[in-house]
Amino acid sequence: MDKLLNWINNNPSGFASLVSAVIAASVSLMVFAVSQFLTRRRERTQFLTPKLEELYLLLNKVSEDNAKFFGLVYLSSQGDKRSIEELASVDDLELYGERTAKKIIMYIRLYFPQLSRIHQLLFAAQSKLNHLIFHLHTNKPSDLEDVVDASGRVGHFIRLMEEEIIRNRNQLLRDGLFRKPYKATTQKEIEAEIPRPDGPVTNLSAD
């Protein structure tokens, strides 16, 4: 320590140069670290953005398919021959949404696990609707009003999931310097009155 102090006393200009070099190196390292951090964050956001957009489009497809197939099911139950024929020609995987469901599960598990809870509710509602639709063609057909309620429930959870995605876009994409808390769908929203599905029964009152 004494040798160092003596050296500093004898070489004040050299010490000043050394301090300046250390500060400059530290600043350069800090700038590099911040630059790398921002670059990685930007790349991650660019990587996740198209995946979140695709997930949202898949939800739109589920909503459209739900309205389409519910309309066919309802009109078929009323004896509409064209709807009966069209429904009979639909691939089961398409009718029950299995292809789309697998894609949605993949995106959530791999990239957006925050959406798992609301998706599980949607998945359960879709499974119940599929079960009722399947039993429409058995010896003990489902009650049509149960199908109406189940279809409306699917639409309800689709809307909630879309709203959760929009509300938490930056958090899902991990964008922004300051991470805000994730705002999950509330229990009150989940338990809100479920509207009847879009389609031929929209204006009909439940008995």
C-alpha atoms as a PDB file:
ATOM      1  CA  MET A   1       0.000   0.000   0.000  1.00  0.00           C
ATOM      2  CA  ASP A   2       2.857   2.401   0.884  1.00  0.00           C
ATOM      3  CA  LYS A   3       4.527   1.708  -2.452  1.00  0.00           C
ATOM      4  CA  LEU A   4       1.279   2.486  -4.259  1.00  0.00           C
ATOM      5  CA  LEU A   5       0.810   5.755  -2.377  1.00  0.00           C
ATOM      6  CA  ASN A   6       4.401   6.718  -3.080  1.00  0.00           C
ATOM      7  CA  TRP A   7       3.937   5.962  -6.739  1.00  0.00           C
ATOM      8  CA  ILE A   8       0.764   8.093  -6.849  1.00  0.00           C
ATOM      9  CA  ASN A   9       2.562  10.978  -5.091  1.00  0.00           C
ATOM     10  CA  ASN A  10       5.500  10.731  -7.483  1.00  0.00           C
ATOM     11  CA  ASN A  11       3.393  10.229 -10.611  1.00  0.00           C
ATOM     12  CA  PRO A  12       0.177  12.242 -10.298  1.00  0.00           C
ATOM     13  CA  SER A  13      -0.244  12.546 -14.065  1.00  0.00           C
ATOM     14  CA  GLY A  14       0.241   8.803 -14.558  1.00  0.00           C
ATOM     15  CA  PHE A  15      -2.312   8.077 -11.833  1.00  0.00           C
ATOM     16  CA  ALA A  16      -4.793  10.474 -13.451  1.00  0.00           C
ATOM     17  CA  SER A  17      -4.312   8.754 -16.796  1.00  0.00           C
ATOM     18  CA  LEU A  18      -4.845   5.353 -15.168  1.00  0.00           C
ATOM     19  CA  VAL A  19      -8.045   6.506 -13.466  1.00  0.00           C
ATOM     20  CA  SER A  20      -9.302   7.975 -16.736  1.00  0.00           C
ATOM     21  CA  ALA A  21      -8.573   4.722 -18.549  1.00  0.00           C
ATOM     22  CA  VAL A  22     -10.406   2.686 -15.902  1.00  0.00           C
ATOM     23  CA  ILE A  23     -13.436   4.994 -16.045  1.00  0.00           C
ATOM     24  CA  ALA A  24     -13.468   4.911 -19.846  1.00  0.00           C
ATOM     25  CA  ALA A  25     -13.255   1.122 -19.849  1.00  0.00           C
ATOM     26  CA  SER A  26     -16.046   0.853 -17.289  1.00  0.00           C
ATOM     27  CA  VAL A  27     -18.289   3.180 -19.285  1.00  0.00           C
ATOM     28  CA  SER A  28     -17.560   1.235 -22.464  1.00  0.00           C
ATOM     29  CA  LEU A  29     -18.434  -2.051 -20.750  1.00  0.00           C
ATOM     30  CA  MET A  30     -21.622  -0.547 -19.353  1.00  0.00           C
ATOM     31  CA  VAL A  31     -22.657   0.832 -22.748  1.00  0.00           C
ATOM     32  CA  PHE A  32     -21.901  -2.528 -24.359  1.00  0.00           C
ATOM     33  CA  ALA A  33     -23.932  -4.400 -21.725  1.00  0.00           C
ATOM     34  CA  VAL A  34     -26.915  -2.068 -22.079  1.00  0.00           C
ATOM     35  CA  SER A  35     -26.691  -2.259 -25.869  1.00  0.00           C
ATOM     36  CA  GLN A  36     -26.629  -6.063 -25.762  1.00  0.00           C
ATOM     37  CA  PHE A  37     -29.549  -6.115 -23.337  1.00  0.00           C
ATOM     38  CA  LEU A  38     -31.659  -3.857 -25.565  1.00  0.00           C
ATOM     39  CA  THR A  39     -30.697  -5.800 -28.680  1.00  0.00           C
ATOM     40  CA  ARG A  40     -31.680  -9.128 -27.109  1.00  0.00           C
ATOM     41  CA  ARG A  41     -34.951  -7.643 -25.861  1.00  0.00           C
ATOM     42  CA  ARG A  42     -35.737  -6.222 -29.313  1.00  0.00           C
ATOM     43  CA  GLU A  43     -34.910  -9.539 -31.000  1.00  0.00           C
ATOM     44  CA  ARG A  44     -37.046 -11.458 -28.517  1.00  0.00           C
ATOM     45  CA  THR A  45     -39.984  -9.109 -29.097  1.00  0.00           C
ATOM     46  CA  GLN A  46     -39.572  -9.433 -32.873  1.00  0.00           C
ATOM     47  CA  PHE A  47     -39.484 -13.221 -32.462  1.00  0.00           C
ATOM     48  CA  LEU A  48     -42.614 -13.383 -30.288  1.00  0.00           C
ATOM     49  CA  THR A  49     -44.764 -10.806 -32.122  1.00  0.00           C
ATOM     50  CA  PRO A  50     -45.748 -12.983 -35.122  1.00  0.00           C
ATOM     51  CA  LYS A  51     -46.442 -15.900 -32.774  1.00  0.00           C
ATOM     52  CA  LEU A  52     -48.790 -13.818 -30.645  1.00  0.00           C
ATOM     53  CA  GLU A  53     -50.495 -12.532 -33.789  1.00  0.00           C
ATOM     54  CA  GLU A  54     -50.916 -16.106 -35.023  1.00  0.00           C
ATOM     55  CA  LEU A  55     -52.375 -17.147 -31.682  1.00  0.00           C
ATOM     56  CA  TYR A  56     -54.875 -14.283 -31.871  1.00  0.00           C
ATOM     57  CA  LEU A  57     -55.843 -15.288 -35.412  1.00  0.00           C
ATOM     58  CA  LEU A  58     -56.356 -18.867 -34.239  1.00  0.00           C
ATOM     59  CA  LEU A  59     -58.765 -17.590 -31.596  1.00  0.00           C
ATOM     60  CA  ASN A  60     -60.612 -15.683 -34.306  1.00  0.00           C
ATOM     61  CA  LYS A  61     -60.842 -18.921 -36.273  1.00  0.00           C
ATOM     62  CA  VAL A  62     -62.235 -20.769 -33.248  1.00  0.00           C
ATOM     63  CA  SER A  63     -64.838 -18.022 -32.865  1.00  0.00           C
ATOM     64  CA  GLU A  64     -65.814 -18.170 -36.550  1.00  0.00           C
ATOM     65  CA  ASP A  65     -65.931 -21.978 -36.554  1.00  0.00           C
ATOM     66  CA  ASN A  66     -67.984 -21.998 -33.371  1.00  0.00           C
ATOM     67  CA  ALA A  67     -70.586 -19.684 -34.925  1.00  0.00           C
ATOM     68  CA  LYS A  68     -70.552 -21.587 -38.232  1.00  0.00           C
ATOM     69  CA  PHE A  69     -70.909 -25.062 -36.798  1.00  0.00           C
ATOM     70  CA  PHE A  70     -73.422 -24.009 -34.184  1.00  0.00           C
ATOM     71  CA  GLY A  71     -75.556 -22.535 -36.951  1.00  0.00           C
ATOM     72  CA  LEU A  72     -75.370 -25.817 -38.876  1.00  0.00           C
ATOM     73  CA  VAL A  73     -76.204 -27.850 -35.789  1.00  0.00           C
ATOM     74  CA  TYR A  74     -79.159 -25.650 -34.917  1.00  0.00           C
ATOM     75  CA  LEU A  75     -80.605 -25.573 -38.437  1.00  0.00           C
ATOM     76  CA  SER A  76     -80.041 -29.309 -38.789  1.00  0.00           C
ATOM     77  CA  SER A  77     -82.027 -29.880 -35.623  1.00  0.00           C
ATOM     78  CA  GLN A  78     -84.842 -27.874 -37.229  1.00  0.00           C
ATOM     79  CA  GLY A  79     -84.835 -30.190 -40.258  1.00  0.00           C
ATOM     80  CA  ASP A  80     -82.985 -27.945 -42.719  1.00  0.00           C
ATOM     81  CA  LYS A  81     -81.807 -30.432 -45.380  1.00  0.00           C
ATOM     82  CA  ARG A  82     -78.998 -28.272 -46.739  1.00  0.00           C
ATOM     83  CA  SER A  83     -77.524 -27.817 -43.238  1.00  0.00           C
ATOM     84  CA  ILE A  84     -77.848 -31.551 -42.549  1.00  0.00           C
ATOM     85  CA  GLU A  85     -75.915 -32.345 -45.732  1.00  0.00           C
ATOM     86  CA  GLU A  86     -73.253 -29.727 -45.051  1.00  0.00           C
ATOM     87  CA  LEU A  87     -72.795 -30.881 -41.478  1.00  0.00           C
ATOM     88  CA  ALA A  88     -72.480 -34.500 -42.586  1.00  0.00           C
ATOM     89  CA  SER A  89     -69.692 -33.543 -45.006  1.00  0.00           C
ATOM     90  CA  VAL A  90     -67.568 -31.743 -42.410  1.00  0.00           C
ATOM     91  CA  ASP A  91     -64.374 -33.471 -41.286  1.00  0.00           C
ATOM     92  CA  ASP A  92     -64.680 -34.427 -37.602  1.00  0.00           C
ATOM     93  CA  LEU A  93     -61.308 -32.848 -36.814  1.00  0.00           C
ATOM     94  CA  GLU A  94     -62.619 -29.587 -38.238  1.00  0.00           C
ATOM     95  CA  LEU A  95     -66.038 -29.904 -36.607  1.00  0.00           C
ATOM     96  CA  TYR A  96     -64.562 -30.404 -33.149  1.00  0.00           C
ATOM     97  CA  GLY A  97     -61.712 -27.946 -33.703  1.00  0.00           C
ATOM     98  CA  GLU A  98     -58.947 -30.422 -32.879  1.00  0.00           C
ATOM     99  CA  ARG A  99     -56.422 -29.109 -35.398  1.00  0.00           C
ATOM    100  CA  THR A 100     -56.801 -25.534 -34.233  1.00  0.00           C
ATOM    101  CA  ALA A 101     -56.795 -26.572 -30.565  1.00  0.00           C
ATOM    102  CA  LYS A 102     -53.448 -28.330 -30.933  1.00  0.00           C
ATOM    103  CA  LYS A 103     -51.882 -25.235 -32.489  1.00  0.00           C
ATOM    104  CA  ILE A 104     -53.207 -23.005 -29.711  1.00  0.00           C
ATOM    105  CA  ILE A 105     -51.847 -25.368 -27.039  1.00  0.00           C
ATOM    106  CA  MET A 106     -48.443 -25.365 -28.741  1.00  0.00           C
ATOM    107  CA  TYR A 107     -48.179 -21.567 -28.773  1.00  0.00           C
ATOM    108  CA  ILE A 108     -49.269 -21.244 -25.156  1.00  0.00           C
ATOM    109  CA  ARG A 109     -46.985 -23.965 -23.794  1.00  0.00           C
ATOM    110  CA  LEU A 110     -43.931 -22.847 -25.740  1.00  0.00           C
ATOM    111  CA  TYR A 111     -44.241 -19.073 -25.676  1.00  0.00           C
ATOM    112  CA  PHE A 112     -47.144 -17.672 -23.640  1.00  0.00           C
ATOM    113  CA  PRO A 113     -47.725 -19.765 -20.490  1.00  0.00           C
ATOM    114  CA  GLN A 114     -49.353 -16.734 -18.796  1.00  0.00           C
ATOM    115  CA  LEU A 115     -52.446 -17.512 -20.884  1.00  0.00           C
ATOM    116  CA  SER A 116     -52.744 -21.069 -19.569  1.00  0.00           C
ATOM    117  CA  ARG A 117     -55.489 -20.381 -17.023  1.00  0.00           C
ATOM    118  CA  ILE A 118     -57.908 -18.613 -19.342  1.00  0.00           C
ATOM    119  CA  HIS A 119     -57.149 -21.110 -22.091  1.00  0.00           C
ATOM    120  CA  GLN A 120     -57.945 -24.035 -19.786  1.00  0.00           C
ATOM    121  CA  LEU A 121     -61.381 -22.517 -19.194  1.00  0.00           C
ATOM    122  CA  LEU A 122     -61.893 -22.098 -22.940  1.00  0.00           C
ATOM    123  CA  PHE A 123     -60.653 -25.630 -23.602  1.00  0.00           C
ATOM    124  CA  ALA A 124     -63.069 -27.069 -21.012  1.00  0.00           C
ATOM    125  CA  ALA A 125     -65.975 -25.117 -22.526  1.00  0.00           C
ATOM    126  CA  GLN A 126     -65.071 -26.321 -26.027  1.00  0.00           C
ATOM    127  CA  SER A 127     -64.806 -29.925 -24.814  1.00  0.00           C
ATOM    128  CA  LYS A 128     -68.269 -29.750 -23.271  1.00  0.00           C
ATOM    129  CA  LEU A 129     -69.714 -28.293 -26.475  1.00  0.00           C
ATOM    130  CA  ASN A 130     -68.052 -31.030 -28.542  1.00  0.00           C
ATOM    131  CA  HIS A 131     -69.511 -33.663 -26.221  1.00  0.00           C
ATOM    132  CA  LEU A 132     -73.014 -32.242 -26.663  1.00  0.00           C
ATOM    133  CA  ILE A 133     -72.660 -31.950 -30.438  1.00  0.00           C
ATOM    134  CA  PHE A 134     -71.470 -35.560 -30.649  1.00  0.00           C
ATOM    135  CA  HIS A 135     -74.469 -36.789 -28.673  1.00  0.00           C
ATOM    136  CA  LEU A 136     -76.874 -34.989 -30.980  1.00  0.00           C
ATOM    137  CA  HIS A 137     -76.316 -37.899 -33.380  1.00  0.00           C
ATOM    138  CA  THR A 138     -76.835 -40.696 -30.842  1.00  0.00           C
ATOM    139  CA  ASN A 139     -79.883 -42.498 -29.507  1.00  0.00           C
ATOM    140  CA  LYS A 140     -79.938 -40.055 -26.594  1.00  0.00           C
ATOM    141  CA  PRO A 141     -79.479 -36.665 -28.276  1.00  0.00           C
ATOM    142  CA  SER A 142     -78.437 -33.639 -26.231  1.00  0.00           C
ATOM    143  CA  ASP A 143     -81.003 -31.016 -25.367  1.00  0.00           C
ATOM    144  CA  LEU A 144     -80.667 -28.209 -27.912  1.00  0.00           C
ATOM    145  CA  GLU A 145     -80.846 -25.552 -25.204  1.00  0.00           C
ATOM    146  CA  ASP A 146     -77.800 -27.138 -23.541  1.00  0.00           C
ATOM    147  CA  VAL A 147     -75.966 -26.822 -26.857  1.00  0.00           C
ATOM    148  CA  VAL A 148     -77.008 -23.172 -27.091  1.00  0.00           C
ATOM    149  CA  ASP A 149     -75.649 -22.473 -23.610  1.00  0.00           C
ATOM    150  CA  ALA A 150     -72.422 -24.387 -24.267  1.00  0.00           C
ATOM    151  CA  SER A 151     -71.805 -22.537 -27.533  1.00  0.00           C
ATOM    152  CA  GLY A 152     -72.392 -19.204 -25.816  1.00  0.00           C
ATOM    153  CA  ARG A 153     -69.918 -20.234 -23.106  1.00  0.00           C
ATOM    154  CA  VAL A 154     -67.235 -20.969 -25.706  1.00  0.00           C
ATOM    155  CA  GLY A 155     -67.778 -17.537 -27.254  1.00  0.00           C
ATOM    156  CA  HIS A 156     -67.596 -15.963 -23.801  1.00  0.00           C
ATOM    157  CA  PHE A 157     -64.168 -17.435 -23.036  1.00  0.00           C
ATOM    158  CA  ILE A 158     -62.848 -16.652 -26.509  1.00  0.00           C
ATOM    159  CA  ARG A 159     -63.681 -12.981 -25.932  1.00  0.00           C
ATOM    160  CA  LEU A 160     -62.063 -13.029 -22.485  1.00  0.00           C
ATOM    161  CA  MET A 161     -58.907 -14.624 -23.852  1.00  0.00           C
ATOM    162  CA  GLU A 162     -58.682 -12.079 -26.679  1.00  0.00           C
ATOM    163  CA  GLU A 163     -59.107  -9.256 -24.169  1.00  0.00           C
ATOM    164  CA  GLU A 164     -56.397 -10.716 -21.931  1.00  0.00           C
ATOM    165  CA  ILE A 165     -54.001 -10.867 -24.870  1.00  0.00           C
ATOM    166  CA  ILE A 166     -54.662  -7.248 -25.841  1.00  0.00           C
ATOM    167  CA  ARG A 167     -54.469  -6.035 -22.232  1.00  0.00           C
ATOM    168  CA  ASN A 168     -51.116  -7.767 -21.655  1.00  0.00           C
ATOM    169  CA  ARG A 169     -49.519  -7.404 -25.070  1.00  0.00           C
ATOM    170  CA  ASN A 170     -46.273  -5.854 -23.809  1.00  0.00           C
ATOM    171  CA  GLN A 171     -45.944  -8.384 -21.005  1.00  0.00           C
ATOM    172  CA  LEU A 172     -46.507 -11.318 -23.361  1.00  0.00           C
ATOM    173  CA  LEU A 173     -43.967  -9.937 -25.829  1.00  0.00           C
ATOM    174  CA  ARG A 174     -41.610  -8.990 -22.972  1.00  0.00           C
ATOM    175  CA  ASP A 175     -41.402  -5.532 -24.447  1.00  0.00           C
ATOM    176  CA  GLY A 176     -40.570  -2.306 -22.595  1.00  0.00           C
ATOM    177  CA  LEU A 177     -37.853  -1.504 -20.078  1.00  0.00           C
ATOM    178  CA  PHE A 178     -40.146  -1.630 -17.076  1.00  0.00           C
ATOM    179  CA  ARG A 179     -42.224  -4.795 -16.769  1.00  0.00           C
ATOM    180  CA  LYS A 180     -45.794  -4.109 -15.639  1.00  0.00           C
ATOM    181  CA  PRO A 181     -47.757  -6.681 -13.615  1.00  0.00           C
ATOM    182  CA  TYR A 182     -49.658  -9.197 -15.706  1.00  0.00           C
ATOM    183  CA  LYS A 183     -53.412  -8.534 -15.566  1.00  0.00           C
ATOM    184  CA  ALA A 184     -55.129 -11.899 -15.698  1.00  0.00           C
ATOM    185  CA  THR A 185     -58.853 -12.261 -16.319  1.00  0.00           C
ATOM    186  CA  THR A 186     -60.710 -11.742 -13.053  1.00  0.00           C
ATOM    187  CA  GLN A 187     -63.128 -14.182 -11.479  1.00  0.00           C
ATOM    188  CA  LYS A 188     -65.856 -11.577 -11.861  1.00  0.00           C
ATOM    189  CA  GLU A 189     -65.276 -11.476 -15.631  1.00  0.00           C
ATOM    190  CA  ILE A 190     -65.284 -15.254 -15.785  1.00  0.00           C
ATOM    191  CA  GLU A 191     -68.569 -15.505 -13.898  1.00  0.00           C
ATOM    192  CA  ALA A 192     -70.265 -12.687 -15.846  1.00  0.00           C
ATOM    193  CA  GLU A 193     -73.542 -13.398 -17.600  1.00  0.00           C
ATOM    194  CA  ILE A 194     -72.834 -15.479 -20.670  1.00  0.00           C
ATOM    195  CA  PRO A 195     -74.490 -14.211 -23.870  1.00  0.00           C
ATOM    196  CA  ARG A 196     -76.247 -16.524 -26.281  1.00  0.00           C
ATOM    197  CA  PRO A 197     -74.149 -17.501 -29.282  1.00  0.00           C
ATOM    198  CA  ASP A 198     -74.092 -15.579 -32.529  1.00  0.00           C
ATOM    199  CA  GLY A 199     -76.206 -17.148 -35.212  1.00  0.00           C
ATOM    200  CA  PRO A 200     -79.798 -18.256 -35.763  1.00  0.00           C
ATOM    201  CA  VAL A 201     -80.758 -18.294 -32.083  1.00  0.00           C
ATOM    202  CA  THR A 202     -79.373 -14.872 -31.158  1.00  0.00           C
ATOM    203  CA  ASN A 203     -82.771 -13.227 -30.973  1.00  0.00           C
ATOM    204  CA  LEU A 204     -84.580 -16.188 -29.455  1.00  0.00           C
ATOM    205  CA  SER A 205     -85.244 -16.227 -25.718  1.00  0.00           C
ATOM    206  CA  ALA A 206     -84.348 -19.282 -23.710  1.00  0.00           C
ATOM    207  CA  ASP A 207     -87.301 -21.243 -22.384  1.00  0.00           C
END
